[in-house]
Amino acid sequence: MNTKFRRHQDTEVMLLDGEYVIMHMNRQSITKVNEIGGIIWSLLTEAKTVHELVLCMQEQYETTYETAEHDIRLFLQQLGEYELVEVTEAVEQEPTGLPYRTAYS
């Protein structure tokens, strides 16, 4: 199983004085994140695994996989504590048979 994260559907974000401000409408809360947090947040418009997020961050910043993974997991944990992200478990399915049909006469 792969854990995927995406923005909570009841959130809005705006850029204010170089910081990203995330507003959770139902909780009536405001959370500020820095530039890197804002980049991660922008990637969460679609559900992503930690691995996918790490690869995206490595494309933009010079960092090791381990460092990026640690920082992203910590950031996602903090977002989860404020109910700003939704977590889903994607079950990988085993292939069932051939991906095509064969006709015999």
PDB file of N, CA and C in Angstrom:
ATOM      1  N   MET A   1       0.831  -1.190   0.000  1.00  0.00           N
ATOM      2  CA  MET A   1       0.000   0.000   0.000  1.00  0.00           C
ATOM      3  C   MET A   1       0.874   1.252   0.000  1.00  0.00           C
ATOM      4  N   ASN A   2       0.403   2.256  -0.678  1.00  0.00           N
ATOM      5  CA  ASN A   2       1.087   3.546  -0.716  1.00  0.00           C
ATOM      6  C   ASN A   2       0.205   4.600  -0.083  1.00  0.00           C
ATOM      7  N   THR A   3       0.764   5.320   0.865  1.00  0.00           N
ATOM      8  CA  THR A   3       0.031   6.421   1.471  1.00  0.00           C
ATOM      9  C   THR A   3       0.157   7.629   0.571  1.00  0.00           C
ATOM     10  N   LYS A   4      -0.981   8.245   0.256  1.00  0.00           N
ATOM     11  CA  LYS A   4      -0.983   9.439  -0.581  1.00  0.00           C
ATOM     12  C   LYS A   4      -1.568  10.599   0.214  1.00  0.00           C
ATOM     13  N   PHE A   5      -1.066  11.781  -0.087  1.00  0.00           N
ATOM     14  CA  PHE A   5      -1.489  13.000   0.593  1.00  0.00           C
ATOM     15  C   PHE A   5      -1.996  13.985  -0.444  1.00  0.00           C
ATOM     16  N   ARG A   6      -3.012  14.752  -0.063  1.00  0.00           N
ATOM     17  CA  ARG A   6      -3.478  15.857  -0.906  1.00  0.00           C
ATOM     18  C   ARG A   6      -4.089  16.913   0.000  1.00  0.00           C
ATOM     19  N   ARG A   7      -4.253  18.094  -0.575  1.00  0.00           N
ATOM     20  CA  ARG A   7      -4.839  19.193   0.197  1.00  0.00           C
ATOM     21  C   ARG A   7      -6.230  18.820   0.676  1.00  0.00           C
ATOM     22  N   HIS A   8      -6.570  19.252   1.858  1.00  0.00           N
ATOM     23  CA  HIS A   8      -7.942  19.087   2.335  1.00  0.00           C
ATOM     24  C   HIS A   8      -8.833  19.934   1.447  1.00  0.00           C
ATOM     25  N   GLN A   9      -9.993  19.415   1.118  1.00  0.00           N
ATOM     26  CA  GLN A   9     -10.881  20.109   0.178  1.00  0.00           C
ATOM     27  C   GLN A   9     -11.408  21.444   0.702  1.00  0.00           C
ATOM     28  N   ASP A  10     -11.377  21.670   1.984  1.00  0.00           N
ATOM     29  CA  ASP A  10     -11.899  22.919   2.557  1.00  0.00           C
ATOM     30  C   ASP A  10     -10.803  23.928   2.855  1.00  0.00           C
ATOM     31  N   THR A  11      -9.724  23.903   2.061  1.00  0.00           N
ATOM     32  CA  THR A  11      -8.627  24.851   2.281  1.00  0.00           C
ATOM     33  C   THR A  11      -8.472  25.779   1.080  1.00  0.00           C
ATOM     34  N   GLU A  12      -7.948  26.944   1.374  1.00  0.00           N
ATOM     35  CA  GLU A  12      -7.601  27.939   0.358  1.00  0.00           C
ATOM     36  C   GLU A  12      -6.202  28.435   0.693  1.00  0.00           C
ATOM     37  N   VAL A  13      -5.473  28.900  -0.312  1.00  0.00           N
ATOM     38  CA  VAL A  13      -4.119  29.397  -0.073  1.00  0.00           C
ATOM     39  C   VAL A  13      -3.942  30.729  -0.787  1.00  0.00           C
ATOM     40  N   MET A  14      -3.156  31.600  -0.190  1.00  0.00           N
ATOM     41  CA  MET A  14      -2.792  32.856  -0.830  1.00  0.00           C
ATOM     42  C   MET A  14      -1.360  33.205  -0.462  1.00  0.00           C
ATOM     43  N   LEU A  15      -0.710  33.941  -1.337  1.00  0.00           N
ATOM     44  CA  LEU A  15       0.657  34.384  -1.109  1.00  0.00           C
ATOM     45  C   LEU A  15       0.608  35.781  -0.520  1.00  0.00           C
ATOM     46  N   LEU A  16       1.208  35.949   0.674  1.00  0.00           N
ATOM     47  CA  LEU A  16       1.156  37.217   1.378  1.00  0.00           C
ATOM     48  C   LEU A  16       2.547  37.542   1.908  1.00  0.00           C
ATOM     49  N   ASP A  17       3.148  38.610   1.394  1.00  0.00           N
ATOM     50  CA  ASP A  17       4.493  39.032   1.810  1.00  0.00           C
ATOM     51  C   ASP A  17       5.512  37.900   1.703  1.00  0.00           C
ATOM     52  N   GLY A  18       5.449  37.139   0.616  1.00  0.00           N
ATOM     53  CA  GLY A  18       6.422  36.078   0.373  1.00  0.00           C
ATOM     54  C   GLY A  18       6.169  34.799   1.145  1.00  0.00           C
ATOM     55  N   GLU A  19       5.107  34.738   1.917  1.00  0.00           N
ATOM     56  CA  GLU A  19       4.766  33.525   2.656  1.00  0.00           C
ATOM     57  C   GLU A  19       3.412  33.017   2.178  1.00  0.00           C
ATOM     58  N   TYR A  20       3.289  31.707   2.185  1.00  0.00           N
ATOM     59  CA  TYR A  20       2.021  31.092   1.811  1.00  0.00           C
ATOM     60  C   TYR A  20       1.141  31.019   3.050  1.00  0.00           C
ATOM     61  N   VAL A  21      -0.085  31.479   2.903  1.00  0.00           N
ATOM     62  CA  VAL A  21      -1.049  31.450   3.998  1.00  0.00           C
ATOM     63  C   VAL A  21      -2.143  30.465   3.610  1.00  0.00           C
ATOM     64  N   ILE A  22      -2.267  29.411   4.399  1.00  0.00           N
ATOM     65  CA  ILE A  22      -3.264  28.378   4.141  1.00  0.00           C
ATOM     66  C   ILE A  22      -4.411  28.580   5.118  1.00  0.00           C
ATOM     67  N   MET A  23      -5.600  28.702   4.569  1.00  0.00           N
ATOM     68  CA  MET A  23      -6.787  28.903   5.401  1.00  0.00           C
ATOM     69  C   MET A  23      -7.663  27.657   5.337  1.00  0.00           C
ATOM     70  N   HIS A  24      -8.002  27.133   6.496  1.00  0.00           N
ATOM     71  CA  HIS A  24      -8.909  25.997   6.585  1.00  0.00           C
ATOM     72  C   HIS A  24     -10.277  26.568   6.936  1.00  0.00           C
ATOM     73  N   MET A  25     -11.168  26.535   5.974  1.00  0.00           N
ATOM     74  CA  MET A  25     -12.454  27.214   6.121  1.00  0.00           C
ATOM     75  C   MET A  25     -13.307  26.637   7.255  1.00  0.00           C
ATOM     76  N   ASN A  26     -13.413  25.312   7.352  1.00  0.00           N
ATOM     77  CA  ASN A  26     -14.261  24.714   8.397  1.00  0.00           C
ATOM     78  C   ASN A  26     -13.705  24.932   9.794  1.00  0.00           C
ATOM     79  N   ARG A  27     -12.399  24.864   9.923  1.00  0.00           N
ATOM     80  CA  ARG A  27     -11.776  25.031  11.246  1.00  0.00           C
ATOM     81  C   ARG A  27     -11.524  26.490  11.580  1.00  0.00           C
ATOM     82  N   GLN A  28     -11.680  27.357  10.597  1.00  0.00           N
ATOM     83  CA  GLN A  28     -11.416  28.787  10.763  1.00  0.00           C
ATOM     84  C   GLN A  28     -10.010  29.010  11.320  1.00  0.00           C
ATOM     85  N   SER A  29      -9.041  28.347  10.647  1.00  0.00           N
ATOM     86  CA  SER A  29      -7.655  28.481  11.076  1.00  0.00           C
ATOM     87  C   SER A  29      -6.807  28.999   9.920  1.00  0.00           C
ATOM     88  N   ILE A  30      -5.691  29.599  10.279  1.00  0.00           N
ATOM     89  CA  ILE A  30      -4.742  30.123   9.303  1.00  0.00           C
ATOM     90  C   ILE A  30      -3.366  29.579   9.667  1.00  0.00           C
ATOM     91  N   THR A  31      -2.661  29.050   8.660  1.00  0.00           N
ATOM     92  CA  THR A  31      -1.323  28.510   8.853  1.00  0.00           C
ATOM     93  C   THR A  31      -0.398  29.121   7.817  1.00  0.00           C
ATOM     94  N   LYS A  32       0.748  29.642   8.254  1.00  0.00           N
ATOM     95  CA  LYS A  32       1.729  30.209   7.332  1.00  0.00           C
ATOM     96  C   LYS A  32       2.841  29.193   7.109  1.00  0.00           C
ATOM     97  N   VAL A  33       3.284  29.075   5.843  1.00  0.00           N
ATOM     98  CA  VAL A  33       4.407  28.197   5.522  1.00  0.00           C
ATOM     99  C   VAL A  33       5.400  28.971   4.664  1.00  0.00           C
ATOM    100  N   ASN A  34       6.648  28.537   4.691  1.00  0.00           N
ATOM    101  CA  ASN A  34       7.688  29.219   3.915  1.00  0.00           C
ATOM    102  C   ASN A  34       7.625  28.801   2.448  1.00  0.00           C
ATOM    103  N   GLU A  35       8.597  29.260   1.674  1.00  0.00           N
ATOM    104  CA  GLU A  35       8.607  29.002   0.223  1.00  0.00           C
ATOM    105  C   GLU A  35       8.601  27.509  -0.107  1.00  0.00           C
ATOM    106  N   ILE A  36       9.441  26.751   0.573  1.00  0.00           N
ATOM    107  CA  ILE A  36       9.510  25.310   0.294  1.00  0.00           C
ATOM    108  C   ILE A  36       8.207  24.631   0.689  1.00  0.00           C
ATOM    109  N   GLY A  37       7.637  25.032   1.833  1.00  0.00           N
ATOM    110  CA  GLY A  37       6.332  24.511   2.223  1.00  0.00           C
ATOM    111  C   GLY A  37       5.276  24.856   1.187  1.00  0.00           C
ATOM    112  N   GLY A  38       5.369  26.050   0.622  1.00  0.00           N
ATOM    113  CA  GLY A  38       4.427  26.469  -0.409  1.00  0.00           C
ATOM    114  C   GLY A  38       4.563  25.646  -1.674  1.00  0.00           C
ATOM    115  N   ILE A  39       5.793  25.286  -2.017  1.00  0.00           N
ATOM    116  CA  ILE A  39       6.011  24.444  -3.190  1.00  0.00           C
ATOM    117  C   ILE A  39       5.414  23.063  -2.962  1.00  0.00           C
ATOM    118  N   ILE A  40       5.663  22.497  -1.798  1.00  0.00           N
ATOM    119  CA  ILE A  40       5.077  21.189  -1.482  1.00  0.00           C
ATOM    120  C   ILE A  40       3.563  21.295  -1.511  1.00  0.00           C
ATOM    121  N   TRP A  41       3.028  22.364  -0.928  1.00  0.00           N
ATOM    122  CA  TRP A  41       1.583  22.564  -0.912  1.00  0.00           C
ATOM    123  C   TRP A  41       1.023  22.616  -2.333  1.00  0.00           C
ATOM    124  N   SER A  42       1.731  23.294  -3.225  1.00  0.00           N
ATOM    125  CA  SER A  42       1.248  23.408  -4.606  1.00  0.00           C
ATOM    126  C   SER A  42       1.250  22.053  -5.310  1.00  0.00           C
ATOM    127  N   LEU A  43       2.121  21.144  -4.894  1.00  0.00           N
ATOM    128  CA  LEU A  43       2.156  19.806  -5.477  1.00  0.00           C
ATOM    129  C   LEU A  43       1.008  18.926  -5.002  1.00  0.00           C
ATOM    130  N   LEU A  44       0.374  19.325  -3.910  1.00  0.00           N
ATOM    131  CA  LEU A  44      -0.675  18.498  -3.311  1.00  0.00           C
ATOM    132  C   LEU A  44      -2.072  18.758  -3.881  1.00  0.00           C
ATOM    133  N   THR A  45      -2.146  19.410  -5.045  1.00  0.00           N
ATOM    134  CA  THR A  45      -3.460  19.566  -5.683  1.00  0.00           C
ATOM    135  C   THR A  45      -3.987  18.204  -6.115  1.00  0.00           C
ATOM    136  N   GLU A  46      -3.073  17.286  -6.385  1.00  0.00           N
ATOM    137  CA  GLU A  46      -3.415  15.892  -6.670  1.00  0.00           C
ATOM    138  C   GLU A  46      -2.732  15.032  -5.616  1.00  0.00           C
ATOM    139  N   ALA A  47      -3.334  13.902  -5.289  1.00  0.00           N
ATOM    140  CA  ALA A  47      -2.772  13.011  -4.277  1.00  0.00           C
ATOM    141  C   ALA A  47      -1.395  12.525  -4.708  1.00  0.00           C
ATOM    142  N   LYS A  48      -0.441  12.641  -3.801  1.00  0.00           N
ATOM    143  CA  LYS A  48       0.944  12.251  -4.084  1.00  0.00           C
ATOM    144  C   LYS A  48       1.508  11.447  -2.913  1.00  0.00           C
ATOM    145  N   THR A  49       2.412  10.531  -3.241  1.00  0.00           N
ATOM    146  CA  THR A  49       3.140   9.801  -2.208  1.00  0.00           C
ATOM    147  C   THR A  49       4.334  10.636  -1.754  1.00  0.00           C
ATOM    148  N   VAL A  50       4.909  10.258  -0.639  1.00  0.00           N
ATOM    149  CA  VAL A  50       6.115  10.934  -0.167  1.00  0.00           C
ATOM    150  C   VAL A  50       7.211  10.793  -1.219  1.00  0.00           C
ATOM    151  N   HIS A  51       7.332   9.624  -1.799  1.00  0.00           N
ATOM    152  CA  HIS A  51       8.346   9.380  -2.820  1.00  0.00           C
ATOM    153  C   HIS A  51       8.182  10.351  -3.991  1.00  0.00           C
ATOM    154  N   GLU A  52       6.966  10.537  -4.465  1.00  0.00           N
ATOM    155  CA  GLU A  52       6.726  11.472  -5.569  1.00  0.00           C
ATOM    156  C   GLU A  52       7.105  12.896  -5.183  1.00  0.00           C
ATOM    157  N   LEU A  53       6.775  13.294  -3.959  1.00  0.00           N
ATOM    158  CA  LEU A  53       7.113  14.637  -3.490  1.00  0.00           C
ATOM    159  C   LEU A  53       8.628  14.823  -3.391  1.00  0.00           C
ATOM    160  N   VAL A  54       9.312  13.798  -2.901  1.00  0.00           N
ATOM    161  CA  VAL A  54      10.771  13.876  -2.786  1.00  0.00           C
ATOM    162  C   VAL A  54      11.401  14.062  -4.162  1.00  0.00           C
ATOM    163  N   LEU A  55      10.947  13.296  -5.138  1.00  0.00           N
ATOM    164  CA  LEU A  55      11.514  13.417  -6.480  1.00  0.00           C
ATOM    165  C   LEU A  55      11.275  14.806  -7.059  1.00  0.00           C
ATOM    166  N   CYS A  56      10.102  15.367  -6.829  1.00  0.00           N
ATOM    167  CA  CYS A  56       9.812  16.724  -7.300  1.00  0.00           C
ATOM    168  C   CYS A  56      10.735  17.743  -6.636  1.00  0.00           C
ATOM    169  N   MET A  57      10.955  17.593  -5.343  1.00  0.00           N
ATOM    170  CA  MET A  57      11.812  18.535  -4.625  1.00  0.00           C
ATOM    171  C   MET A  57      13.270  18.396  -5.068  1.00  0.00           C
ATOM    172  N   GLN A  58      13.693  17.178  -5.366  1.00  0.00           N
ATOM    173  CA  GLN A  58      15.067  16.982  -5.817  1.00  0.00           C
ATOM    174  C   GLN A  58      15.303  17.610  -7.192  1.00  0.00           C
ATOM    175  N   GLU A  59      14.252  17.759  -7.977  1.00  0.00           N
ATOM    176  CA  GLU A  59      14.391  18.429  -9.271  1.00  0.00           C
ATOM    177  C   GLU A  59      14.661  19.920  -9.092  1.00  0.00           C
ATOM    178  N   GLN A  60      14.157  20.492  -7.994  1.00  0.00           N
ATOM    179  CA  GLN A  60      14.276  21.934  -7.779  1.00  0.00           C
ATOM    180  C   GLN A  60      15.400  22.326  -6.820  1.00  0.00           C
ATOM    181  N   TYR A  61      15.758  21.424  -5.912  1.00  0.00           N
ATOM    182  CA  TYR A  61      16.757  21.745  -4.894  1.00  0.00           C
ATOM    183  C   TYR A  61      17.818  20.654  -4.846  1.00  0.00           C
ATOM    184  N   GLU A  62      19.028  21.056  -4.523  1.00  0.00           N
ATOM    185  CA  GLU A  62      20.118  20.110  -4.388  1.00  0.00           C
ATOM    186  C   GLU A  62      20.073  19.551  -2.971  1.00  0.00           C
ATOM    187  N   THR A  63      19.580  18.343  -2.845  1.00  0.00           N
ATOM    188  CA  THR A  63      19.434  17.702  -1.540  1.00  0.00           C
ATOM    189  C   THR A  63      19.495  16.196  -1.715  1.00  0.00           C
ATOM    190  N   THR A  64      19.808  15.499  -0.642  1.00  0.00           N
ATOM    191  CA  THR A  64      19.813  14.042  -0.710  1.00  0.00           C
ATOM    192  C   THR A  64      18.383  13.536  -0.576  1.00  0.00           C
ATOM    193  N   TYR A  65      18.172  12.329  -1.039  1.00  0.00           N
ATOM    194  CA  TYR A  65      16.843  11.723  -0.941  1.00  0.00           C
ATOM    195  C   TYR A  65      16.435  11.630   0.526  1.00  0.00           C
ATOM    196  N   GLU A  66      17.345  11.183   1.364  1.00  0.00           N
ATOM    197  CA  GLU A  66      17.041  10.964   2.780  1.00  0.00           C
ATOM    198  C   GLU A  66      16.649  12.264   3.481  1.00  0.00           C
ATOM    199  N   THR A  67      17.395  13.333   3.210  1.00  0.00           N
ATOM    200  CA  THR A  67      17.083  14.621   3.839  1.00  0.00           C
ATOM    201  C   THR A  67      15.722  15.131   3.383  1.00  0.00           C
ATOM    202  N   ALA A  68      15.483  15.078   2.081  1.00  0.00           N
ATOM    203  CA  ALA A  68      14.197  15.544   1.548  1.00  0.00           C
ATOM    204  C   ALA A  68      13.054  14.711   2.103  1.00  0.00           C
ATOM    205  N   GLU A  69      13.239  13.397   2.158  1.00  0.00           N
ATOM    206  CA  GLU A  69      12.183  12.516   2.678  1.00  0.00           C
ATOM    207  C   GLU A  69      11.866  12.852   4.135  1.00  0.00           C
ATOM    208  N   HIS A  70      12.903  13.019   4.942  1.00  0.00           N
ATOM    209  CA  HIS A  70      12.705  13.345   6.359  1.00  0.00           C
ATOM    210  C   HIS A  70      11.933  14.647   6.517  1.00  0.00           C
ATOM    211  N   ASP A  71      12.378  15.679   5.794  1.00  0.00           N
ATOM    212  CA  ASP A  71      11.737  16.988   5.905  1.00  0.00           C
ATOM    213  C   ASP A  71      10.294  16.968   5.407  1.00  0.00           C
ATOM    214  N   ILE A  72      10.048  16.268   4.324  1.00  0.00           N
ATOM    215  CA  ILE A  72       8.686  16.198   3.770  1.00  0.00           C
ATOM    216  C   ILE A  72       7.775  15.422   4.710  1.00  0.00           C
ATOM    217  N   ARG A  73       8.249  14.314   5.254  1.00  0.00           N
ATOM    218  CA  ARG A  73       7.419  13.549   6.208  1.00  0.00           C
ATOM    219  C   ARG A  73       7.062  14.406   7.427  1.00  0.00           C
ATOM    220  N   LEU A  74       8.030  15.146   7.925  1.00  0.00           N
ATOM    221  CA  LEU A  74       7.781  16.025   9.073  1.00  0.00           C
ATOM    222  C   LEU A  74       6.762  17.103   8.709  1.00  0.00           C
ATOM    223  N   PHE A  75       6.913  17.712   7.540  1.00  0.00           N
ATOM    224  CA  PHE A  75       5.989  18.747   7.089  1.00  0.00           C
ATOM    225  C   PHE A  75       4.575  18.185   6.926  1.00  0.00           C
ATOM    226  N   LEU A  76       4.460  17.008   6.304  1.00  0.00           N
ATOM    227  CA  LEU A  76       3.141  16.392   6.117  1.00  0.00           C
ATOM    228  C   LEU A  76       2.502  16.027   7.466  1.00  0.00           C
ATOM    229  N   GLN A  77       3.330  15.603   8.410  1.00  0.00           N
ATOM    230  CA  GLN A  77       2.814  15.294   9.749  1.00  0.00           C
ATOM    231  C   GLN A  77       2.232  16.553  10.389  1.00  0.00           C
ATOM    232  N   GLN A  78       2.942  17.669  10.250  1.00  0.00           N
ATOM    233  CA  GLN A  78       2.454  18.929  10.813  1.00  0.00           C
ATOM    234  C   GLN A  78       1.167  19.377  10.114  1.00  0.00           C
ATOM    235  N   LEU A  79       1.121  19.251   8.787  1.00  0.00           N
ATOM    236  CA  LEU A  79      -0.106  19.594   8.066  1.00  0.00           C
ATOM    237  C   LEU A  79      -1.258  18.708   8.523  1.00  0.00           C
ATOM    238  N   GLY A  80      -0.965  17.444   8.775  1.00  0.00           N
ATOM    239  CA  GLY A  80      -1.987  16.514   9.255  1.00  0.00           C
ATOM    240  C   GLY A  80      -2.522  16.893  10.624  1.00  0.00           C
ATOM    241  N   GLU A  81      -1.648  17.383  11.496  1.00  0.00           N
ATOM    242  CA  GLU A  81      -2.072  17.803  12.830  1.00  0.00           C
ATOM    243  C   GLU A  81      -3.067  18.961  12.764  1.00  0.00           C
ATOM    244  N   TYR A  82      -2.936  19.793  11.732  1.00  0.00           N
ATOM    245  CA  TYR A  82      -3.856  20.925  11.546  1.00  0.00           C
ATOM    246  C   TYR A  82      -4.993  20.590  10.585  1.00  0.00           C
ATOM    247  N   GLU A  83      -5.089  19.301  10.216  1.00  0.00           N
ATOM    248  CA  GLU A  83      -6.136  18.808   9.318  1.00  0.00           C
ATOM    249  C   GLU A  83      -6.136  19.548   7.972  1.00  0.00           C
ATOM    250  N   LEU A  84      -4.948  19.869   7.486  1.00  0.00           N
ATOM    251  CA  LEU A  84      -4.831  20.560   6.205  1.00  0.00           C
ATOM    252  C   LEU A  84      -4.642  19.602   5.032  1.00  0.00           C
ATOM    253  N   VAL A  85      -4.304  18.348   5.312  1.00  0.00           N
ATOM    254  CA  VAL A  85      -4.154  17.353   4.250  1.00  0.00           C
ATOM    255  C   VAL A  85      -5.070  16.164   4.521  1.00  0.00           C
ATOM    256  N   GLU A  86      -5.447  15.524   3.434  1.00  0.00           N
ATOM    257  CA  GLU A  86      -6.212  14.281   3.509  1.00  0.00           C
ATOM    258  C   GLU A  86      -5.269  13.143   3.152  1.00  0.00           C
ATOM    259  N   VAL A  87      -5.393  12.044   3.859  1.00  0.00           N
ATOM    260  CA  VAL A  87      -4.516  10.902   3.666  1.00  0.00           C
ATOM    261  C   VAL A  87      -5.335   9.746   3.118  1.00  0.00           C
ATOM    262  N   THR A  88      -4.821   9.126   2.062  1.00  0.00           N
ATOM    263  CA  THR A  88      -5.494   7.964   1.487  1.00  0.00           C
ATOM    264  C   THR A  88      -4.486   6.835   1.335  1.00  0.00           C
ATOM    265  N   GLU A  89      -4.979   5.641   1.385  1.00  0.00           N
ATOM    266  CA  GLU A  89      -4.146   4.463   1.165  1.00  0.00           C
ATOM    267  C   GLU A  89      -4.513   3.894  -0.193  1.00  0.00           C
ATOM    268  N   ALA A  90      -3.572   3.914  -1.112  1.00  0.00           N
ATOM    269  CA  ALA A  90      -3.792   3.355  -2.442  1.00  0.00           C
ATOM    270  C   ALA A  90      -3.280   1.924  -2.441  1.00  0.00           C
ATOM    271  N   VAL A  91      -4.138   0.989  -2.758  1.00  0.00           N
ATOM    272  CA  VAL A  91      -3.768  -0.417  -2.790  1.00  0.00           C
ATOM    273  C   VAL A  91      -3.268  -0.740  -4.190  1.00  0.00           C
ATOM    274  N   GLU A  92      -2.059  -1.252  -4.255  1.00  0.00           N
ATOM    275  CA  GLU A  92      -1.513  -1.649  -5.551  1.00  0.00           C
ATOM    276  C   GLU A  92      -2.139  -2.983  -5.932  1.00  0.00           C
ATOM    277  N   GLN A  93      -2.672  -3.036  -7.139  1.00  0.00           N
ATOM    278  CA  GLN A  93      -3.325  -4.249  -7.597  1.00  0.00           C
ATOM    279  C   GLN A  93      -2.370  -5.069  -8.445  1.00  0.00           C
ATOM    280  N   GLU A  94      -2.430  -6.367  -8.249  1.00  0.00           N
ATOM    281  CA  GLU A  94      -1.632  -7.277  -9.048  1.00  0.00           C
ATOM    282  C   GLU A  94      -2.277  -7.392 -10.422  1.00  0.00           C
ATOM    283  N   PRO A  95      -1.480  -7.507 -11.470  1.00  0.00           N
ATOM    284  CA  PRO A  95      -2.059  -7.678 -12.793  1.00  0.00           C
ATOM    285  C   PRO A  95      -2.865  -8.969 -12.853  1.00  0.00           C
ATOM    286  N   THR A  96      -4.001  -8.898 -13.493  1.00  0.00           N
ATOM    287  CA  THR A  96      -4.859 -10.075 -13.621  1.00  0.00           C
ATOM    288  C   THR A  96      -4.943 -10.452 -15.086  1.00  0.00           C
ATOM    289  N   GLY A  97      -4.175 -11.427 -15.467  1.00  0.00           N
ATOM    290  CA  GLY A  97      -4.238 -11.911 -16.843  1.00  0.00           C
ATOM    291  C   GLY A  97      -3.550 -10.976 -17.821  1.00  0.00           C
ATOM    292  N   LEU A  98      -3.815 -11.220 -19.070  1.00  0.00           N
ATOM    293  CA  LEU A  98      -3.214 -10.452 -20.145  1.00  0.00           C
ATOM    294  C   LEU A  98      -3.923  -9.127 -20.340  1.00  0.00           C
ATOM    295  N   PRO A  99      -3.195  -8.097 -20.772  1.00  0.00           N
ATOM    296  CA  PRO A  99      -3.832  -6.799 -20.967  1.00  0.00           C
ATOM    297  C   PRO A  99      -4.577  -6.698 -22.309  1.00  0.00           C
ATOM    298  N   TYR A 100      -4.744  -7.811 -22.982  1.00  0.00           N
ATOM    299  CA  TYR A 100      -5.441  -7.821 -24.270  1.00  0.00           C
ATOM    300  C   TYR A 100      -6.205  -9.130 -24.409  1.00  0.00           C
ATOM    301  N   ARG A 101      -7.059  -9.210 -25.388  1.00  0.00           N
ATOM    302  CA  ARG A 101      -7.824 -10.437 -25.653  1.00  0.00           C
ATOM    303  C   ARG A 101      -7.317 -11.060 -26.945  1.00  0.00           C
ATOM    304  N   THR A 102      -7.309 -12.348 -26.961  1.00  0.00           N
ATOM    305  CA  THR A 102      -6.929 -13.063 -28.154  1.00  0.00           C
ATOM    306  C   THR A 102      -8.152 -13.805 -28.661  1.00  0.00           C
ATOM    307  N   ALA A 103      -8.418 -13.660 -29.946  1.00  0.00           N
ATOM    308  CA  ALA A 103      -9.571 -14.349 -30.550  1.00  0.00           C
ATOM    309  C   ALA A 103      -9.070 -15.540 -31.361  1.00  0.00           C
ATOM    310  N   TYR A 104      -9.702 -16.664 -31.165  1.00  0.00           N
ATOM    311  CA  TYR A 104      -9.376 -17.851 -31.930  1.00  0.00           C
ATOM    312  C   TYR A 104     -10.603 -18.241 -32.734  1.00  0.00           C
ATOM    313  N   SER A 105     -10.394 -18.733 -33.962  1.00  0.00           N
ATOM    314  CA  SER A 105     -11.546 -19.161 -34.751  1.00  0.00           C
ATOM    315  C   SER A 105     -11.785 -20.627 -34.651  1.00  0.00           C
TER     316      SER A 105
END
